[in-house]
Amino acid sequence: MRPMSEAFSPAALRHALIIKLRHHGDVLLSTPVIGALKEAAPQCEIDALVYDDTAPMLSGHPCLSQLHTIGRHWKRLGLAGQAAAEWHLLTALHARHYDLIVHLSVQRRGAWLTRLLRPKWSVAPAYKGAFWAGSFTHIYPAQSHPDRHTVESNLDSLRTLGIEPRADGKRVILIPGLDAESRIEALLSQHALSGRDFIHLHPGSRWQFKCWPADKLAALCDRLCEHGWPIILTAAPDPKEQALIDAIKARVGDSAASLIDLSGQLSLKQLAALTARARLFVGVDSAPMHIAAAMGTPTVALFGPSGDREWGPWQVASRIVTSDHHPCRPCGRDGCEGSKISECLTTLPMEQVLAACEELLA
């Protein structure tokens, strides 16, 4: 590790940077680190650095001073364009004179930035190589136990510095914003719905091996609608996710009139505002599931090959539905034998998911 100039002191912090260069759900689950650090050092201005498409997960956070972004498209700008974008970012970061950098993933970009910005203190998860270890003053253990939630693993970055977050201070926070809330209010009014009188179903994921079959999703919709619950369907503006929505709608019976399809029509902020108004969220291991939990909406989450104890809904009334007949899960693979199809999900009975929904709806 890089030598420390002096012992870490939260009281000495003036500017800190938290780096999380991952996907939407990963970024959202890093927000307890922001809150816990602000509580330990209320005088400190805390910034964050994320990929531009994940910025909605953090924008508007009450403890953030500045939100910096890296464009995933920068590599397509050509050598000169990418260099200009990188230089602009580095200049903006240098101007903040960070005392502390908290790097919450293992991208080498974070190590390079830490070396260039030269904060007094820096912390990152353990990773291979002398270059990595020599980039930071503190190293914390990477996630190594499947029974430990990702939020707790992220908070280990602060524990390594001597900051122990309060048990009730580990909230995942997402702020939809007034524009998103107004948009959802108008959409619900169009369909004569209000708060807590509908179920939000987001069946898709960018990873197809995490998805449940369309015929079982349609059967679930039929049964829930029989109980009088309108269902709002959402999906990302992605052809595969839209195809799953179309397949569900093609297979439902009398419940078709109770389905409201908003797939591909909502921003991430609007999705958060919608799910905050739902009586129940149903979905798979995905960013929308984490968004629902952050908004405090009771959540039914279907898990196949991914680890539910590591990635399950955080601090919310929930039911996690997994297969009782596949001791191989969670395997962490992209489907059985690389097939992109997970038998632990495709064989999951509709009745088991329905029972979980009924428990939370009761």
Protein backbone atom coordinates (compact mmCIF):
# COMPACT_ATOMS: atom_id res chain seq x y z
CA MET A 1 0.00 0.00 0.00
CA ARG A 2 1.03 3.61 -0.53
CA PRO A 3 2.50 5.13 2.67
CA MET A 4 0.13 7.30 4.72
CA SER A 5 1.24 10.81 5.61
CA GLU A 6 -0.78 10.74 8.84
CA ALA A 7 -3.48 8.73 10.61
CA PHE A 8 -6.91 9.02 9.06
CA SER A 9 -9.22 11.56 10.71
CA PRO A 10 -12.81 12.23 9.57
CA ALA A 11 -12.55 15.68 11.15
CA ALA A 12 -9.73 16.56 8.72
CA LEU A 13 -11.78 15.82 5.61
CA ARG A 14 -12.80 18.69 3.37
CA HIS A 15 -13.40 16.98 0.02
CA ALA A 16 -13.95 13.29 -0.71
CA LEU A 17 -14.59 11.38 -3.92
CA ILE A 18 -16.47 8.09 -4.14
CA ILE A 19 -15.88 6.10 -7.35
CA LYS A 20 -18.30 3.39 -8.49
CA LEU A 21 -17.84 2.42 -12.14
CA ARG A 22 -20.34 -0.40 -12.51
CA HIS A 23 -23.97 -0.98 -13.52
CA HIS A 24 -27.12 0.76 -12.24
CA GLY A 25 -27.87 -1.58 -9.34
CA ASP A 26 -24.25 -1.58 -8.19
CA VAL A 27 -24.19 2.22 -8.13
CA LEU A 28 -27.47 2.42 -6.22
CA LEU A 29 -26.20 -0.01 -3.58
CA SER A 30 -23.20 2.26 -2.99
CA THR A 31 -25.37 5.09 -1.61
CA PRO A 32 -25.12 3.94 2.04
CA VAL A 33 -21.39 4.73 1.82
CA ILE A 34 -22.24 8.32 0.90
CA GLY A 35 -24.63 8.71 3.82
CA ALA A 36 -22.37 7.05 6.36
CA LEU A 37 -19.37 9.13 5.34
CA LYS A 38 -21.39 12.33 5.53
CA GLU A 39 -22.57 11.41 9.01
CA ALA A 40 -19.00 10.75 10.15
CA ALA A 41 -17.67 13.93 8.52
CA PRO A 42 -20.55 16.43 8.18
CA GLN A 43 -18.16 19.23 7.18
CA CYS A 44 -16.90 17.26 4.19
CA GLU A 45 -18.11 17.88 0.63
CA ILE A 46 -18.66 14.48 -0.96
CA ASP A 47 -18.52 13.96 -4.72
CA ALA A 48 -19.07 10.83 -6.79
CA LEU A 49 -17.74 9.52 -10.10
CA VAL A 50 -19.88 7.08 -12.12
CA TYR A 51 -20.61 6.15 -15.72
CA ASP A 52 -22.95 8.68 -17.33
CA ASP A 53 -25.82 6.23 -17.88
CA THR A 54 -25.89 5.36 -14.15
CA ALA A 55 -25.91 9.00 -12.97
CA PRO A 56 -29.69 8.98 -12.27
CA MET A 57 -29.01 6.54 -9.43
CA LEU A 58 -27.15 9.30 -7.55
CA SER A 59 -28.34 12.64 -8.92
CA GLY A 60 -30.29 14.60 -6.32
CA HIS A 61 -28.77 12.69 -3.40
CA PRO A 62 -28.92 15.07 -0.42
CA CYS A 63 -25.36 14.27 0.71
CA LEU A 64 -23.66 14.76 -2.65
CA SER A 65 -21.97 18.02 -3.61
CA GLN A 66 -20.91 17.20 -7.18
CA LEU A 67 -21.57 14.27 -9.51
CA HIS A 68 -18.88 13.59 -12.13
CA THR A 69 -19.43 11.18 -15.00
CA ILE A 70 -17.48 9.12 -17.51
CA GLY A 71 -19.11 8.59 -20.90
CA ARG A 72 -19.30 4.98 -22.02
CA HIS A 73 -19.25 6.41 -25.56
CA TRP A 74 -15.92 8.21 -25.14
CA LYS A 75 -14.04 5.40 -26.89
CA ARG A 76 -16.07 6.13 -30.02
CA LEU A 77 -14.97 9.77 -30.12
CA GLY A 78 -11.62 8.97 -31.67
CA LEU A 79 -8.23 9.46 -30.05
CA ALA A 80 -8.43 13.27 -29.90
CA GLY A 81 -12.04 13.32 -28.70
CA GLN A 82 -11.46 10.79 -25.98
CA ALA A 83 -8.31 12.54 -24.81
CA ALA A 84 -10.19 15.84 -24.58
CA ALA A 85 -12.99 14.26 -22.55
CA GLU A 86 -10.53 12.56 -20.21
CA TRP A 87 -8.56 15.79 -19.74
CA HIS A 88 -11.73 17.75 -18.98
CA LEU A 89 -12.69 15.20 -16.30
CA LEU A 90 -9.23 15.13 -14.76
CA THR A 91 -9.13 18.93 -14.62
CA ALA A 92 -12.51 19.04 -12.86
CA LEU A 93 -11.41 16.42 -10.34
CA HIS A 94 -8.06 18.12 -9.69
CA ALA A 95 -9.88 21.36 -8.88
CA ARG A 96 -11.60 19.68 -5.94
CA HIS A 97 -8.35 18.84 -4.05
CA TYR A 98 -9.63 15.58 -2.57
CA ASP A 99 -8.41 14.50 0.85
CA LEU A 100 -9.99 11.05 0.45
CA ILE A 101 -10.87 8.76 -2.46
CA VAL A 102 -13.09 5.73 -1.86
CA HIS A 103 -12.90 3.37 -4.83
CA LEU A 104 -15.65 0.75 -4.58
CA SER A 105 -14.77 -1.53 -7.50
CA VAL A 106 -11.69 -2.99 -9.13
CA GLN A 107 -11.31 -1.01 -12.36
CA ARG A 108 -7.74 0.09 -12.94
CA ARG A 109 -9.03 3.52 -14.01
CA GLY A 110 -9.77 4.21 -10.35
CA ALA A 111 -6.22 3.30 -9.39
CA TRP A 112 -4.78 5.59 -12.07
CA LEU A 113 -7.03 8.45 -11.00
CA THR A 114 -6.00 8.01 -7.38
CA ARG A 115 -2.33 8.16 -8.35
CA LEU A 116 -2.93 11.30 -10.42
CA LEU A 117 -5.08 13.09 -7.84
CA ARG A 118 -2.84 12.14 -4.89
CA PRO A 119 -5.31 12.39 -2.01
CA LYS A 120 -3.99 12.14 1.54
CA TRP A 121 -6.01 8.94 2.06
CA SER A 122 -7.45 6.41 -0.37
CA VAL A 123 -9.19 3.07 0.01
CA ALA A 124 -10.15 0.27 -2.38
CA PRO A 125 -11.06 -3.44 -2.31
CA ALA A 126 -8.25 -5.99 -2.45
CA TYR A 127 -7.16 -6.87 -5.97
CA LYS A 128 -4.21 -8.52 -7.65
CA GLY A 129 -0.92 -6.85 -8.46
CA ALA A 130 1.59 -4.50 -6.90
CA PHE A 131 0.37 -1.55 -9.00
CA TRP A 132 -3.09 -1.83 -7.46
CA ALA A 133 -1.91 -2.21 -3.88
CA GLY A 134 0.55 0.64 -4.30
CA SER A 135 -2.17 3.02 -5.48
CA PHE A 136 -4.06 3.23 -2.16
CA THR A 137 -3.28 3.89 1.49
CA HIS A 138 -5.93 1.43 2.69
CA ILE A 139 -7.12 -1.90 1.28
CA TYR A 140 -10.25 -3.71 2.46
CA PRO A 141 -11.25 -7.33 1.76
CA ALA A 142 -13.20 -7.84 -1.43
CA GLN A 143 -16.58 -9.58 -1.25
CA SER A 144 -15.67 -13.13 -0.28
CA HIS A 145 -18.73 -14.60 1.43
CA PRO A 146 -21.95 -15.29 -0.48
CA ASP A 147 -24.05 -14.77 2.66
CA ARG A 148 -22.95 -11.14 3.03
CA HIS A 149 -24.91 -8.39 1.32
CA THR A 150 -23.21 -6.09 -1.16
CA VAL A 151 -24.19 -3.04 0.91
CA GLU A 152 -22.18 -4.36 3.86
CA SER A 153 -19.23 -5.15 1.60
CA ASN A 154 -19.28 -1.57 0.28
CA LEU A 155 -19.38 -0.23 3.83
CA ASP A 156 -16.22 -2.19 4.63
CA SER A 157 -14.40 0.61 2.81
CA LEU A 158 -15.33 2.96 5.67
CA ARG A 159 -14.77 0.36 8.38
CA THR A 160 -11.19 0.03 7.15
CA LEU A 161 -10.81 3.75 7.83
CA GLY A 162 -12.23 3.35 11.35
CA ILE A 163 -15.77 4.53 10.54
CA GLU A 164 -18.46 2.13 11.75
CA PRO A 165 -21.85 3.02 10.19
CA ARG A 166 -24.83 3.05 12.52
CA ALA A 167 -27.11 0.02 12.19
CA ASP A 168 -29.98 2.33 11.22
CA GLY A 169 -27.81 4.49 8.97
CA LYS A 170 -27.34 2.15 6.02
CA ARG A 171 -30.21 3.30 3.82
CA VAL A 172 -30.16 3.00 0.06
CA ILE A 173 -31.38 6.36 -1.23
CA LEU A 174 -32.75 7.30 -4.65
CA ILE A 175 -34.42 10.66 -5.31
CA PRO A 176 -36.89 10.59 -8.25
CA GLY A 177 -37.35 14.37 -8.37
CA LEU A 178 -40.41 16.53 -8.92
CA ASP A 179 -40.46 16.16 -12.71
CA ALA A 180 -40.54 12.37 -12.51
CA GLU A 181 -43.17 12.39 -9.78
CA SER A 182 -45.38 14.76 -11.78
CA ARG A 183 -45.08 12.59 -14.88
CA ILE A 184 -46.13 9.47 -12.95
CA GLU A 185 -48.96 11.30 -11.23
CA ALA A 186 -50.32 12.23 -14.65
CA LEU A 187 -49.96 8.69 -16.02
CA LEU A 188 -51.73 7.14 -13.04
CA SER A 189 -54.54 9.66 -13.34
CA GLN A 190 -55.01 8.70 -16.99
CA HIS A 191 -55.65 5.13 -15.88
CA ALA A 192 -57.77 6.09 -12.85
CA LEU A 193 -55.12 4.79 -10.44
CA SER A 194 -53.67 6.30 -7.31
CA GLY A 195 -51.08 5.27 -4.75
CA ARG A 196 -50.87 1.67 -3.52
CA ASP A 197 -53.75 0.33 -5.62
CA PHE A 198 -51.72 -1.44 -8.32
CA ILE A 199 -48.92 -3.98 -8.69
CA HIS A 200 -45.74 -3.11 -10.56
CA LEU A 201 -44.30 -5.98 -12.63
CA HIS A 202 -40.88 -5.54 -14.22
CA PRO A 203 -40.05 -9.01 -15.57
CA GLY A 204 -36.98 -8.25 -17.68
CA SER A 205 -33.26 -7.89 -17.15
CA ARG A 206 -30.35 -7.00 -19.37
CA TRP A 207 -29.24 -10.58 -18.60
CA GLN A 208 -31.72 -13.02 -20.13
CA PHE A 209 -30.56 -15.90 -17.94
CA LYS A 210 -32.09 -14.07 -14.96
CA CYS A 211 -35.59 -14.00 -16.47
CA TRP A 212 -38.68 -16.10 -15.76
CA PRO A 213 -40.64 -17.60 -18.71
CA ALA A 214 -43.42 -15.55 -20.32
CA ASP A 215 -46.09 -18.23 -19.87
CA LYS A 216 -45.59 -18.30 -16.11
CA LEU A 217 -45.52 -14.52 -15.92
CA ALA A 218 -48.81 -14.41 -17.84
CA ALA A 219 -50.35 -16.97 -15.50
CA LEU A 220 -49.24 -14.89 -12.52
CA CYS A 221 -50.84 -11.79 -14.05
CA ASP A 222 -54.10 -13.70 -14.55
CA ARG A 223 -54.21 -14.82 -10.94
CA LEU A 224 -53.35 -11.43 -9.48
CA CYS A 225 -55.91 -9.71 -11.68
CA GLU A 226 -58.53 -12.21 -10.53
CA HIS A 227 -57.94 -10.77 -7.06
CA GLY A 228 -58.71 -7.29 -8.37
CA TRP A 229 -55.20 -5.91 -8.77
CA PRO A 230 -54.38 -3.79 -11.82
CA ILE A 231 -50.85 -4.52 -13.05
CA ILE A 232 -48.46 -2.02 -14.59
CA LEU A 233 -45.83 -3.61 -16.84
CA THR A 234 -42.48 -1.90 -17.35
CA ALA A 235 -39.31 -2.74 -19.24
CA ALA A 236 -36.21 -1.06 -20.54
CA PRO A 237 -36.29 0.24 -24.14
CA ASP A 238 -34.50 -2.92 -25.25
CA PRO A 239 -35.78 -5.27 -27.98
CA LYS A 240 -35.35 -8.40 -25.84
CA GLU A 241 -37.14 -6.92 -22.85
CA GLN A 242 -39.91 -5.59 -25.09
CA ALA A 243 -40.27 -9.04 -26.66
CA LEU A 244 -40.82 -10.52 -23.20
CA ILE A 245 -43.57 -7.96 -22.49
CA ASP A 246 -45.23 -8.76 -25.82
CA ALA A 247 -45.07 -12.48 -25.07
CA ILE A 248 -46.73 -11.96 -21.69
CA LYS A 249 -49.52 -9.88 -23.22
CA ALA A 250 -50.08 -12.49 -25.92
CA ARG A 251 -50.55 -15.23 -23.32
CA VAL A 252 -52.79 -13.58 -20.70
CA GLY A 253 -56.47 -14.39 -20.60
CA ASP A 254 -59.21 -12.22 -19.15
CA SER A 255 -56.64 -10.14 -17.26
CA ALA A 256 -55.60 -8.32 -20.45
CA ALA A 257 -57.95 -5.43 -19.64
CA SER A 258 -56.24 -4.96 -16.27
CA LEU A 259 -52.70 -4.73 -17.71
CA ILE A 260 -51.18 -1.32 -18.34
CA ASP A 261 -48.10 -1.43 -20.55
CA LEU A 262 -45.57 1.35 -19.88
CA SER A 263 -42.59 -0.61 -21.18
CA GLY A 264 -39.91 1.52 -22.79
CA GLN A 265 -41.71 4.74 -21.84
CA LEU A 266 -40.12 5.65 -18.52
CA SER A 267 -36.78 7.06 -17.47
CA LEU A 268 -35.03 5.59 -14.45
CA LYS A 269 -36.24 8.47 -12.30
CA GLN A 270 -39.81 7.94 -13.53
CA LEU A 271 -39.49 4.21 -12.86
CA ALA A 272 -38.55 5.03 -9.28
CA ALA A 273 -41.49 7.41 -8.91
CA LEU A 274 -43.83 4.74 -10.29
CA THR A 275 -42.64 1.91 -8.09
CA ALA A 276 -42.81 4.18 -5.04
CA ARG A 277 -46.57 4.38 -5.62
CA ALA A 278 -47.10 0.62 -6.10
CA ARG A 279 -48.59 -1.70 -3.51
CA LEU A 280 -46.14 -4.41 -4.57
CA PHE A 281 -43.18 -4.84 -6.90
CA VAL A 282 -42.53 -8.16 -8.65
CA GLY A 283 -39.36 -8.76 -10.64
CA VAL A 284 -36.06 -10.57 -10.98
CA ASP A 285 -32.56 -9.74 -9.78
CA SER A 286 -32.19 -6.41 -11.58
CA ALA A 287 -31.72 -2.68 -11.08
CA PRO A 288 -35.52 -2.07 -10.98
CA MET A 289 -35.75 -4.54 -8.09
CA HIS A 290 -33.12 -2.56 -6.17
CA ILE A 291 -34.94 0.66 -7.08
CA ALA A 292 -38.21 -0.72 -5.67
CA ALA A 293 -36.48 -1.68 -2.42
CA ALA A 294 -34.88 1.77 -2.18
CA MET A 295 -38.32 3.36 -2.54
CA GLY A 296 -39.67 1.20 0.31
CA THR A 297 -42.07 -0.81 -1.85
CA PRO A 298 -42.73 -4.40 -0.72
CA THR A 299 -40.78 -6.57 -3.14
CA VAL A 300 -41.06 -10.10 -4.52
CA ALA A 301 -37.74 -10.97 -6.14
CA LEU A 302 -37.08 -14.08 -8.23
CA PHE A 303 -33.52 -15.35 -8.06
CA GLY A 304 -31.87 -17.98 -10.20
CA PRO A 305 -28.10 -18.29 -10.66
CA SER A 306 -27.23 -15.06 -8.82
CA GLY A 307 -26.82 -14.92 -5.05
CA ASP A 308 -29.91 -13.67 -3.24
CA ARG A 309 -28.11 -13.10 0.07
CA GLU A 310 -25.54 -10.94 -1.68
CA TRP A 311 -27.95 -9.08 -4.00
CA GLY A 312 -31.41 -9.39 -2.43
CA PRO A 313 -33.78 -6.48 -1.64
CA TRP A 314 -32.19 -4.32 1.05
CA GLN A 315 -34.07 -3.16 4.17
CA VAL A 316 -37.60 -3.58 2.82
CA ALA A 317 -40.49 -6.00 3.34
CA SER A 318 -39.71 -8.69 0.80
CA ARG A 319 -39.98 -12.30 -0.28
CA ILE A 320 -37.17 -13.93 -2.24
CA VAL A 321 -38.36 -16.80 -4.42
CA THR A 322 -35.82 -19.46 -5.40
CA SER A 323 -35.90 -23.07 -6.56
CA ASP A 324 -36.14 -25.79 -3.91
CA HIS A 325 -34.85 -28.42 -6.32
CA HIS A 326 -31.55 -26.98 -7.55
CA PRO A 327 -28.85 -27.25 -4.88
CA CYS A 328 -26.37 -25.98 -7.51
CA ARG A 329 -27.70 -22.44 -7.17
CA PRO A 330 -26.43 -19.82 -6.79
CA CYS A 331 -23.83 -20.81 -9.38
CA GLY A 332 -23.13 -17.34 -10.78
CA ARG A 333 -23.21 -18.70 -14.34
CA ASP A 334 -24.96 -17.25 -17.37
CA GLY A 335 -27.42 -20.11 -17.61
CA CYS A 336 -26.94 -23.86 -17.34
CA GLU A 337 -23.72 -24.85 -19.14
CA GLY A 338 -23.56 -21.40 -20.73
CA SER A 339 -26.94 -21.84 -22.42
CA LYS A 340 -28.32 -18.45 -21.28
CA ILE A 341 -31.26 -20.43 -19.83
CA SER A 342 -31.38 -21.13 -16.09
CA GLU A 343 -33.33 -24.24 -15.14
CA CYS A 344 -33.59 -23.04 -11.54
CA LEU A 345 -35.78 -20.23 -12.96
CA THR A 346 -37.59 -21.93 -15.82
CA THR A 347 -38.84 -24.68 -13.48
CA LEU A 348 -39.87 -22.26 -10.72
CA PRO A 349 -43.62 -22.87 -10.14
CA MET A 350 -46.01 -19.99 -10.68
CA GLU A 351 -47.83 -20.96 -7.47
CA GLN A 352 -44.69 -20.38 -5.44
CA VAL A 353 -44.37 -16.82 -6.77
CA LEU A 354 -48.09 -16.19 -6.31
CA ALA A 355 -47.89 -17.32 -2.69
CA ALA A 356 -45.06 -14.83 -2.05
CA CYS A 357 -47.14 -12.05 -3.60
CA GLU A 358 -50.18 -12.95 -1.50
CA GLU A 359 -48.13 -12.90 1.70
CA LEU A 360 -46.99 -9.32 1.07
CA LEU A 361 -50.40 -8.21 -0.16
CA ALA A 362 -52.21 -9.60 2.87
